Every structure is written in C-alpha cells, then in structure tokens.
Protein backbone atom coordinates (compact mmCIF):
# COMPACT_ATOMS: atom_id res chain seq x y z
CA MET A 1 14.63 31.81 -27.72
CA ARG A 2 13.11 28.36 -27.16
CA GLY A 3 11.63 27.97 -23.70
CA GLN A 4 10.45 31.57 -23.53
CA SER A 5 6.78 32.44 -23.89
CA ARG A 6 5.70 35.28 -26.18
CA VAL A 7 4.87 37.35 -23.10
CA GLY A 8 8.42 36.76 -21.71
CA ILE A 9 10.09 37.91 -24.95
CA ALA A 10 8.01 41.03 -25.18
CA GLY A 11 8.64 41.96 -21.62
CA THR A 12 12.44 41.53 -22.10
CA LEU A 13 12.41 43.84 -25.25
CA VAL A 14 10.59 46.55 -23.21
CA TRP A 15 13.11 46.16 -20.41
CA LEU A 16 16.09 46.57 -22.79
CA ALA A 17 14.58 49.70 -24.15
CA LEU A 18 14.33 51.15 -20.60
CA VAL A 19 17.88 50.15 -19.89
CA ALA A 20 19.16 52.01 -22.98
CA ALA A 21 17.23 55.10 -22.04
CA CYS A 22 17.77 55.21 -18.31
CA GLY A 23 20.84 53.07 -17.51
CA GLY A 24 18.64 50.62 -15.57
CA PRO A 25 19.56 47.81 -13.17
CA GLU A 26 22.56 45.62 -13.34
CA ALA A 27 20.66 42.37 -14.16
CA PRO A 28 17.59 41.70 -16.28
CA PRO A 29 14.35 40.58 -14.60
CA PRO A 30 13.50 36.87 -14.59
CA MET A 31 11.91 35.65 -17.84
CA ASP A 32 8.62 33.79 -18.10
CA THR A 33 9.93 30.35 -18.88
CA GLU A 34 8.20 27.09 -19.68
CA PRO A 35 9.21 23.70 -18.24
CA PRO A 36 10.93 21.27 -20.51
CA PRO A 37 8.62 19.11 -22.72
CA GLY A 38 6.84 16.44 -20.70
CA GLU A 39 7.50 17.94 -17.24
CA ALA A 40 4.97 19.62 -14.99
CA PRO A 41 5.48 23.16 -13.81
CA PRO A 42 7.28 23.43 -10.50
CA GLU A 43 5.16 23.81 -7.45
CA THR A 44 5.88 24.64 -3.78
CA VAL A 45 6.71 21.49 -1.96
CA ARG A 46 4.40 21.20 1.02
CA PRO A 47 3.68 18.10 3.17
CA GLY A 48 1.72 15.64 1.09
CA ASN A 49 2.46 17.33 -2.21
CA THR A 50 3.15 15.18 -5.28
CA LEU A 51 6.88 15.05 -6.02
CA TRP A 52 6.44 12.96 -9.18
CA ALA A 53 4.08 10.46 -10.71
CA ARG A 54 4.56 8.06 -13.61
CA PRO A 55 2.65 5.46 -15.62
CA LEU A 56 4.23 1.98 -15.78
CA GLY A 57 2.55 0.31 -18.70
CA ALA A 58 1.63 -2.77 -16.67
CA VAL A 59 -2.01 -3.36 -15.79
CA ARG A 60 -1.65 -2.68 -12.03
CA GLY A 61 0.85 -2.09 -9.21
CA LEU A 62 0.41 -4.74 -6.55
CA ASP A 63 2.85 -3.98 -3.74
CA VAL A 64 5.84 -1.78 -2.83
CA GLU A 65 8.67 -2.38 -0.29
CA ALA A 66 11.36 0.22 0.74
CA ALA A 67 14.88 -0.77 1.59
CA PRO A 68 17.18 0.99 4.21
CA ASP A 69 19.20 2.52 1.29
CA GLY A 70 16.02 4.24 -0.03
CA SER A 71 15.66 1.99 -3.02
CA LEU A 72 12.23 0.58 -3.77
CA ALA A 73 10.98 -2.90 -4.87
CA LEU A 74 7.69 -2.99 -6.76
CA LEU A 75 5.56 -5.93 -7.68
CA ALA A 76 3.18 -5.41 -10.69
CA ALA A 77 0.80 -7.43 -12.85
CA ASP A 78 1.84 -6.99 -16.51
CA ASP A 79 -0.12 -7.56 -19.65
CA ASP A 80 1.49 -4.97 -21.91
CA PRO A 81 3.40 -6.51 -24.83
CA SER A 82 5.34 -3.26 -25.36
CA GLY A 83 7.06 -3.73 -22.01
CA PHE A 84 7.12 -2.69 -18.33
CA ASP A 85 8.14 0.95 -17.77
CA GLY A 86 9.91 1.02 -21.20
CA GLN A 87 11.62 -2.32 -20.76
CA SER A 88 10.61 -5.58 -22.35
CA VAL A 89 10.49 -8.18 -19.52
CA GLY A 90 7.92 -10.80 -20.47
CA GLY A 91 5.66 -12.64 -18.05
CA ASP A 92 2.47 -11.81 -16.19
CA LEU A 93 4.19 -10.64 -13.04
CA VAL A 94 7.06 -8.14 -12.69
CA LEU A 95 9.43 -7.58 -9.84
CA ALA A 96 11.16 -4.24 -10.36
CA ARG A 97 13.72 -2.20 -8.40
CA TYR A 98 13.92 1.64 -8.44
CA ASP A 99 16.39 4.11 -6.90
CA PRO A 100 15.05 6.90 -4.67
CA SER A 101 14.70 9.27 -7.68
CA GLY A 102 12.42 6.82 -9.49
CA THR A 103 15.01 5.51 -11.98
CA LEU A 104 14.30 1.92 -12.92
CA LEU A 105 17.35 -0.18 -12.07
CA GLU A 106 16.21 -3.58 -13.15
CA ALA A 107 12.98 -5.60 -13.83
CA LYS A 108 12.36 -9.29 -13.92
CA GLY A 109 9.32 -10.92 -15.53
CA MET A 110 7.67 -14.14 -14.18
CA SER A 111 4.76 -16.35 -15.14
CA ALA A 112 1.77 -15.83 -12.81
CA PRO A 113 -1.48 -15.92 -14.93
CA GLY A 114 -4.32 -13.89 -13.62
CA ALA A 115 -2.15 -12.19 -10.90
CA SER A 116 -4.77 -9.73 -9.67
CA LYS A 117 -3.26 -9.62 -6.14
CA GLY A 118 0.24 -9.93 -4.83
CA ARG A 119 2.48 -9.17 -1.85
CA LEU A 120 6.17 -8.56 -1.13
CA ALA A 121 8.19 -8.99 2.06
CA ARG A 122 11.86 -7.96 2.14
CA THR A 123 14.42 -10.43 3.41
CA PRO A 124 18.12 -9.83 4.25
CA ASP A 125 19.14 -11.09 0.75
CA GLY A 126 16.02 -10.49 -1.32
CA TYR A 127 12.20 -10.97 -1.11
CA TYR A 128 9.37 -13.25 -0.36
CA VAL A 129 6.82 -12.96 -3.16
CA MET A 130 3.19 -14.04 -3.17
CA ALA A 131 0.78 -13.91 -6.14
CA GLU A 132 -2.81 -14.98 -6.63
CA VAL A 133 -3.01 -17.06 -9.90
CA THR A 134 -5.70 -18.85 -11.93
CA SER A 135 -3.47 -21.47 -13.61
CA ALA A 136 0.01 -22.95 -13.57
CA ALA A 137 2.79 -20.43 -12.69
CA ASN A 138 6.57 -20.22 -12.74
CA LEU A 139 8.37 -17.74 -10.43
CA GLY A 140 11.76 -18.94 -11.43
CA CYS A 141 12.10 -22.28 -9.78
CA GLY A 142 10.16 -24.22 -12.39
CA PRO A 143 6.48 -24.76 -13.14
CA ILE A 144 3.99 -24.88 -10.26
CA ASP A 145 0.79 -26.72 -11.01
CA ALA A 146 -2.51 -24.95 -10.49
CA THR A 147 -5.10 -26.27 -8.03
CA SER A 148 -8.65 -27.30 -8.90
CA ALA A 149 -9.91 -24.20 -7.19
CA SER A 150 -10.68 -21.17 -9.16
CA LEU A 151 -8.07 -19.08 -7.30
CA SER A 152 -4.86 -20.19 -5.54
CA SER A 153 -1.66 -18.55 -4.62
CA VAL A 154 2.06 -19.24 -5.31
CA VAL A 155 4.80 -18.20 -2.86
CA ALA A 156 8.54 -18.00 -3.56
CA ARG A 157 11.75 -16.77 -1.97
CA LEU A 158 13.86 -14.71 -4.37
CA SER A 159 17.29 -13.27 -4.20
CA ALA A 160 17.80 -9.48 -4.76
CA ASP A 161 18.62 -10.19 -8.42
CA GLY A 162 15.36 -12.11 -8.83
CA SER A 163 16.86 -15.63 -8.87
CA CYS A 164 14.59 -18.21 -7.14
CA HIS A 165 15.60 -20.14 -4.01
CA TRP A 166 12.30 -22.10 -3.66
CA ALA A 167 8.67 -21.83 -4.56
CA MET A 168 5.44 -23.52 -3.53
CA ARG A 169 1.76 -23.68 -4.21
CA GLN A 170 -0.79 -22.61 -1.58
CA GLY A 171 -4.50 -22.13 -1.26
CA TYR A 172 -6.01 -18.70 -1.33
CA LEU A 173 -3.87 -16.21 0.68
CA ARG A 174 -4.49 -12.68 1.83
CA SER A 175 -1.10 -11.65 2.89
CA LEU A 176 2.40 -12.67 3.99
CA SER A 177 5.09 -11.42 6.38
CA ARG A 178 8.60 -12.22 7.24
CA GLY A 179 9.19 -13.34 10.81
CA ALA A 180 11.82 -11.96 13.11
CA ASP A 181 13.87 -15.23 12.56
CA ASP A 182 13.69 -14.88 8.80
CA GLY A 183 10.80 -17.31 8.61
CA LEU A 184 7.59 -16.81 6.67
CA TRP A 185 4.03 -16.26 7.97
CA LEU A 186 1.19 -16.82 5.43
CA LEU A 187 -2.31 -15.46 6.11
CA GLY A 188 -5.30 -17.30 4.63
CA ASP A 189 -9.00 -16.47 5.10
CA TYR A 190 -9.24 -18.51 8.32
CA ASP A 191 -5.79 -19.84 8.97
CA ILE A 192 -2.18 -18.98 9.74
CA THR A 193 0.67 -21.11 8.34
CA ARG A 194 4.36 -20.72 9.19
CA TYR A 195 7.49 -21.84 7.35
CA ASP A 196 11.23 -21.43 8.03
CA GLY A 197 13.46 -19.47 5.69
CA ALA A 198 14.19 -22.59 3.64
CA GLY A 199 10.50 -23.17 3.00
CA ALA A 200 10.11 -26.06 5.45
CA PHE A 201 6.75 -26.28 7.24
CA ARG A 202 6.62 -25.27 10.90
CA ALA A 203 3.01 -24.81 12.09
CA HIS A 204 -0.60 -24.32 11.09
CA GLN A 205 -3.41 -22.75 13.12
CA SER A 206 -7.16 -22.48 12.26
CA THR A 207 -9.24 -19.62 13.62
CA VAL A 208 -12.24 -21.98 13.75
CA GLU A 209 -10.34 -24.11 16.27
CA MET A 210 -8.93 -21.07 18.10
CA VAL A 211 -12.35 -19.65 18.97
CA GLY A 212 -13.97 -22.98 20.07
CA GLY A 213 -15.43 -24.31 16.83
CA ARG A 214 -18.73 -22.41 16.86
CA GLY A 215 -17.61 -19.49 14.65
CA ASN A 216 -14.54 -18.17 12.87
CA ILE A 217 -12.34 -15.15 12.44
CA ASP A 218 -12.01 -14.07 8.83
CA LEU A 219 -8.45 -12.77 8.73
CA HIS A 220 -7.71 -9.61 6.75
CA THR A 221 -4.31 -8.41 7.82
CA MET A 222 -1.22 -9.05 9.97
CA VAL A 223 1.98 -7.39 11.08
CA ARG A 224 4.96 -9.13 12.66
CA LEU A 225 6.53 -7.95 15.88
CA ASN A 226 10.25 -7.94 16.94
CA ASP A 227 9.62 -10.61 19.61
CA GLY A 228 8.67 -13.11 16.91
CA GLY A 229 4.94 -12.80 17.36
CA ALA A 230 2.39 -10.91 15.29
CA VAL A 231 -0.85 -8.89 15.51
CA PHE A 232 -3.82 -9.89 13.37
CA GLY A 233 -6.96 -8.08 12.35
CA GLY A 234 -10.17 -9.19 10.70
CA THR A 235 -13.82 -9.94 11.25
CA SER A 236 -15.41 -12.53 13.55
CA ASN A 237 -18.73 -14.39 12.78
CA GLY A 238 -20.68 -16.54 15.24
CA GLU A 239 -20.04 -17.39 18.88
CA MET A 240 -16.50 -16.59 20.00
CA ARG A 241 -14.43 -17.74 23.01
CA LEU A 242 -10.78 -16.61 22.95
CA GLU A 243 -8.27 -15.77 25.68
CA GLY A 244 -10.91 -15.62 28.41
CA ARG A 245 -13.34 -13.41 26.42
CA SER A 246 -16.71 -14.32 24.94
CA TRP A 247 -18.72 -12.44 22.32
CA SER A 248 -21.05 -13.13 19.43
CA GLY A 249 -22.35 -11.50 16.29
CA GLN A 250 -21.77 -11.29 12.56
CA VAL A 251 -19.09 -9.09 10.85
CA VAL A 252 -17.61 -7.97 14.17
CA PRO A 253 -14.25 -6.21 13.94
CA VAL A 254 -11.52 -8.04 15.97
CA LEU A 255 -7.84 -7.59 16.83
CA PHE A 256 -5.57 -10.18 18.52
CA ARG A 257 -1.90 -10.65 19.33
CA MET A 258 -0.16 -13.97 18.94
CA ALA A 259 3.19 -14.90 20.54
CA ALA A 260 5.99 -16.62 18.61
CA ASP A 261 4.90 -20.02 19.96
CA GLY A 262 1.32 -19.54 18.65
CA ARG A 263 -0.34 -18.58 21.99
CA VAL A 264 -2.93 -15.78 21.82
CA VAL A 265 -1.64 -13.12 24.16
CA TRP A 266 -4.67 -10.74 24.06
CA VAL A 267 -7.81 -10.17 21.97
CA ARG A 268 -9.96 -7.00 21.38
CA PRO A 269 -13.35 -7.55 19.72
CA PHE A 270 -15.83 -4.74 18.87
CA PRO A 271 -19.24 -6.52 19.30
CA GLU A 272 -21.02 -3.10 19.46
CA VAL A 273 -20.37 -2.25 15.80
CA PHE A 274 -20.48 -3.70 12.35
CA GLY A 275 -17.22 -3.61 10.30
CA TYR A 276 -13.77 -5.00 9.91
CA ILE A 277 -10.01 -4.38 10.55
CA SER A 278 -8.27 -3.88 7.20
CA ALA A 279 -4.70 -3.04 8.13
CA VAL A 280 -2.34 -3.22 11.18
CA GLN A 281 1.13 -1.75 11.64
CA VAL A 282 3.64 -1.18 14.41
CA THR A 283 5.64 2.10 14.91
CA PRO A 284 9.39 2.29 15.70
CA ALA A 285 8.35 2.95 19.38
CA GLY A 286 6.31 -0.28 19.47
CA THR A 287 2.81 1.27 19.32
CA ILE A 288 0.34 -0.96 17.44
CA LEU A 289 -1.95 0.74 14.92
CA ALA A 290 -5.17 -0.69 13.52
CA LEU A 291 -7.12 0.71 10.66
CA GLY A 292 -10.73 -0.36 10.14
CA SER A 293 -14.24 0.41 9.14
CA PHE A 294 -16.56 0.84 12.10
CA ASN A 295 -20.29 1.64 11.91
CA GLY A 296 -21.65 2.52 15.30
CA GLN A 297 -20.33 3.54 18.73
CA PHE A 298 -17.72 1.65 20.75
CA GLN A 299 -15.79 2.16 23.96
CA TRP A 300 -12.05 3.00 23.47
CA ALA A 301 -9.43 4.39 25.83
CA GLY A 302 -12.08 5.21 28.51
CA ALA A 303 -14.25 7.26 26.16
CA ARG A 304 -17.09 6.61 23.80
CA ALA A 305 -16.01 6.68 20.14
CA SER A 306 -18.45 7.15 17.31
CA SER A 307 -17.74 6.28 13.74
CA ASN A 308 -19.59 5.83 10.52
CA GLY A 309 -16.52 5.11 8.45
CA LEU A 310 -12.81 4.77 8.85
CA SER A 311 -11.08 4.89 12.20
CA LEU A 312 -7.42 4.61 13.19
CA LEU A 313 -6.80 3.04 16.63
CA ALA A 314 -3.62 2.97 18.70
CA LEU A 315 -2.65 0.37 21.31
CA GLU A 316 0.30 -0.42 23.50
CA ALA A 317 2.08 -3.73 22.89
CA ASN A 318 0.16 -5.26 25.88
CA GLY A 319 -3.15 -4.32 24.31
CA ALA A 320 -3.85 -1.20 26.37
CA GLU A 321 -5.84 1.33 24.45
CA LEU A 322 -4.22 4.70 23.67
CA TRP A 323 -6.24 6.83 21.21
CA ALA A 324 -8.71 6.69 18.26
CA ARG A 325 -9.10 9.02 15.30
CA PRO A 326 -11.61 9.04 12.44
CA VAL A 327 -9.72 9.25 9.18
CA GLY A 328 -12.42 9.21 6.47
CA GLY A 329 -12.19 12.90 5.91
CA GLN A 330 -14.47 15.26 3.99
CA VAL A 331 -14.22 13.07 0.86
CA GLY A 332 -16.20 10.41 2.71
CA ALA A 333 -13.71 7.52 2.32
CA THR A 334 -15.28 4.31 3.74
CA SER A 335 -13.14 1.45 2.41
CA ALA A 336 -9.64 1.28 3.91
CA THR A 337 -6.94 -0.62 2.03
CA ARG A 338 -3.46 -0.18 3.51
CA MET A 339 -1.29 1.95 5.75
CA ALA A 340 2.42 2.66 6.31
CA VAL A 341 4.48 4.08 9.21
CA ASP A 342 7.46 6.29 8.71
CA ALA A 343 10.66 6.67 10.74
CA ALA A 344 9.10 9.28 13.14
CA GLY A 345 6.09 7.07 13.89
CA ALA A 346 3.61 9.05 11.72
CA VAL A 347 1.18 6.93 9.77
CA VAL A 348 -0.15 7.32 6.25
CA VAL A 349 -3.59 5.82 5.63
CA MET A 350 -4.84 4.81 2.13
CA ALA A 351 -8.46 4.29 1.33
CA GLU A 352 -10.92 4.23 -1.53
CA SER A 353 -13.12 7.31 -1.87
CA PRO A 354 -15.90 8.41 -4.14
CA GLY A 355 -14.88 9.76 -7.53
CA ALA A 356 -16.97 11.66 -10.03
CA CYS A 357 -20.14 10.02 -11.23
CA GLY A 358 -19.77 7.09 -8.84
CA GLY A 359 -16.27 6.05 -9.88
CA SER A 360 -13.45 5.18 -7.45
CA GLY A 361 -10.98 7.72 -6.18
CA LEU A 362 -7.87 7.46 -3.88
CA MET A 363 -7.63 9.14 -0.50
CA LEU A 364 -4.36 9.42 1.49
CA ALA A 365 -4.35 10.90 4.97
CA LYS A 366 -1.45 11.36 7.51
CA VAL A 367 -1.51 11.68 11.28
CA ASP A 368 1.50 11.99 13.63
CA ALA A 369 2.57 9.51 16.25
CA ALA A 370 0.13 11.06 18.79
CA GLY A 371 -2.79 10.85 16.41
CA ALA A 372 -2.92 14.50 15.41
CA PHE A 373 -4.07 15.18 11.90
CA LEU A 374 -1.39 16.44 9.46
CA TRP A 375 -2.84 16.40 5.95
CA GLN A 376 -5.11 14.72 3.49
CA ARG A 377 -4.99 14.28 -0.36
CA HIS A 378 -7.65 13.08 -2.75
CA PHE A 379 -7.09 11.95 -6.35
CA ALA A 380 -9.79 11.16 -8.82
CA PRO A 381 -10.23 10.81 -12.58
CA ALA A 382 -11.14 13.88 -14.63
CA GLY A 383 -14.81 13.90 -15.62
CA CYS A 384 -17.02 10.79 -15.45
CA VAL A 385 -14.61 8.34 -17.15
CA GLY A 386 -12.16 6.18 -15.29
CA GLU A 387 -11.04 5.47 -11.74
CA VAL A 388 -7.95 5.34 -9.59
CA ARG A 389 -7.22 2.68 -6.92
CA GLY A 390 -4.35 2.47 -4.51
CA HIS A 391 -3.10 -1.03 -3.87
CA ALA A 392 0.02 -0.49 -1.75
CA LEU A 393 2.16 2.22 -0.11
CA ALA A 394 5.49 2.39 1.65
CA THR A 395 7.58 5.07 3.40
CA LEU A 396 11.26 5.69 2.52
CA PRO A 397 13.93 6.17 5.17
CA SER A 398 13.77 9.93 4.28
CA ARG A 399 10.00 9.71 5.03
CA GLU A 400 8.68 10.32 1.53
CA ILE A 401 5.71 8.21 0.58
CA MET A 402 5.55 5.81 -2.35
CA VAL A 403 2.16 4.63 -3.68
CA THR A 404 1.22 2.20 -6.39
CA GLY A 405 -2.02 0.96 -7.80
CA ALA A 406 -3.97 1.33 -11.10
CA PHE A 407 -5.86 3.97 -12.92
CA SER A 408 -7.98 4.42 -16.04
CA GLY A 409 -8.85 7.55 -18.01
CA GLN A 410 -6.97 10.70 -17.03
CA VAL A 411 -5.93 11.42 -13.48
CA SER A 412 -4.23 14.47 -11.90
CA PHE A 413 -1.81 13.66 -9.14
CA GLY A 414 -1.40 17.22 -8.02
CA SER A 415 0.27 19.02 -10.97
CA GLN A 416 1.21 15.79 -12.63
CA VAL A 417 -1.37 14.46 -15.06
CA LEU A 418 -1.28 10.81 -16.11
CA GLU A 419 -3.21 9.50 -19.11
CA GLN A 420 -4.00 5.87 -19.57
CA ARG A 421 -2.24 4.02 -22.48
CA PRO A 422 -4.54 3.27 -25.39
CA GLY A 423 -6.40 -0.05 -25.41
CA GLY A 424 -5.57 -1.11 -21.86
CA ARG A 425 -8.13 -2.01 -19.18
CA THR A 426 -6.18 -0.14 -16.52
CA GLU A 427 -2.57 1.00 -16.13
CA ALA A 428 -0.21 0.84 -13.20
CA PHE A 429 1.21 4.00 -11.61
CA LEU A 430 3.98 4.89 -9.19
CA LEU A 431 3.56 8.03 -7.09
CA LYS A 432 5.93 9.88 -4.69
CA LEU A 433 4.66 12.33 -2.14
CA ALA A 434 6.46 14.67 0.22
CA PRO A 435 6.33 13.56 3.88
C-alpha cells in the first residue's frame, strides 16, 4: 500500500464495505496518493507556473542559451569539489548542455579563477564564451596570462563538444554578441571591439571619441541585428554630441543604433530623467525593445511617460517610438538585469526585487508583443535568511522560459522548494517556467 495516505486507505475500506452491501459502482473512487519521494505535488500548469527547478551544486549560473532543437547550453561558476549537477568536471567554469526535459547531456570544466560573471553566444558549430577572471585562465587552448588589473576577461570560441578553436585575453568586458557574419562583438565599459570568426581583429570604437571627447557613454548592453549592425544601451555622462543631437547631464539613459560599418544611425537620450538602460532585445518582427530604470517623466510615442522604476520601451528599427510600459510590478522591482523574447514576440523581463528583511528576491514579468501585461512571478527566500538572484534567462522554441542564477537559504519556486547545499556561499539553480 506504499504511496497511499492513511486517509486514502481508510476511505477505500469504507467504499469496499458499501460495495459489498449495495452492489456499488463499477470502479473504485480515486485514492489519495502521494508523489514519489523527492518530487513536488502536481499543480495546474498556468502561464508563468514553475514546471521544474533544480539545484546544480555550482556557486552560480552565469548564462543560458537555447538552440533551435530545444536543447540548452548553460555557463556556470563552479567551486564544488563534489561535482557539477552530480558529475565531477573540475575547473572553475563549467559549460553544460541539457535536453529540453532538463537532463544533463554533458559538462566540461575549464580554468577561470574568480569567474563571477560570464556570457555565452551560440555559433553555428558551438559557442563564444566570455568569463571575468582574477588570474591566469585556460578555456582549453592553453594558459592565458592575467593582466595587472584586478579584473580582466578571457574570450574563447568553442565547438559544441567544448573543444577550443582560439582564446584571447581582454580588458574588463560587460557582454559579447555574435555578428550576422559569424564575427564577434565585445562590449567594454566605454568601447566596442569587433573580431572575425577566426579571432582576427577588425575594428575598435570608443564612446569618448564618438560623443566629441567631452563625456562618455557607459555601455551596459547590446543586441545584434540581422543587417550586421547592433543596438546599444547604457548611461551617458557629460556633454554629448552624437548623430546631430546634443544633450548633457550625469547618469542619463541612452540608446543608439550602429550600422555594420560602425556608423551611428540614430540615438535616443533621456536627459529628463536619471537612470540607465540595462537590456536590449529584438523581436522576430524586428521591433527593438529596451529595458531600463527611469526616475522621472519623459516623452515617449507622443505621450508623457512617468516612471519611478523599471520601464520597457518598444521602437521600430528606424528608431520611431512605439509604446512604453512600467514593469516593476507590485513587488517594487527597481534593478533590471536581463530579458528574453520568445517566438511570438512576447518578452520576459527579469529584475531584482526586495526579499524578506532586506534580502534580494527575483521578479519575472511577461508582456505580449503589443506591450499588454500577461503575468508576473516573484521568488524570495523563506524567512530572513538567504537571497535569490537571476543572472540570465532564455526562451525555448516551444516558448518555455529557462532561468539561471544563484540562491542561498531555502527558496520556493512555486511548488518546488530548493535548499542550499551545506557549507556553500550560494548555489546555482536552473528553473523552467510555462510560457
């Protein structure tokens, strides 16, 4: 009778007695059953519901990338001697691949000391990988010396099986993206550097030079476009002159589009407000989306927009304004991190939100391609101990949402409860949500 509760057994005995006396129904009523050990009770799958969540053993998930076949690549920082997700891989940095159900297919360990940040970009035959390091690293092509700076980055091109084509050392980097011609775009604080697919240098541009030398644009994010260009977001500081526009101020959110040849096509500053652009994306229809923190009022799409937190903005490819939507929600999220677009053009926004007793929680919100609100989810540790932070998210071809990051303490992702491994600072997680 394993799997039946005491209530279920008693109910069944009563029913059998009634059958014997009255010749009751043809089939017994459903029994009160318990889920298999280690599994959460089933719940109705609604949009945004947790499908599954799992701890990974590593210290934090850094980035995720979905492939057309629904498989998932995950980059994680690892400091667990017992192994990553049940496998012994070695190294400070792990590149892992999962099937759509969450089964680990393979994992490769690499040496990247102090890898607190990292990025992935899928190529036709593998990945571009970037990791922030504090000392000499080896991503598979041999040792890469550390710089004299406290933080630097290493970049490599890897095959799907993790073998290394080439690797190089860079200064501090915020992000990377694969160009339409399979080249590589690297985003620093104040510069953009481009390489071809073989790792050969192509071009370098400084935002200090771009804006006339009396200020700078602190770059936070970028997304490549199918025409070979890209859209960038960040914060401007000082006196700006760019693409026929002039503005000034400190910590001014700014967006601009760059063509494949490096020309700035259009620029959109927000001198009326204080804040920054933290993420940009492009939908399958070509709509450009920008996620940022705005404090104040600004003009957008012919109307006055007011924001004291996170806003999602939509633009046409030529820079024409479409719509704006606040996305901080009732949980008061104010620090945006990433966003992802699904096959239907809907966008999922990820942000930090207040947890209990001042700790950090995780907010996810989704709007459709026209900006209409669909759902919001908030995850936070139980009680006053711990935190949960989202570092990256991706959408699968079937539109489910994959999220990775780090947590401490005990966190409930819907009906799935994860508890941090003993002795660790934080632990990486992988979360799958319904679209």
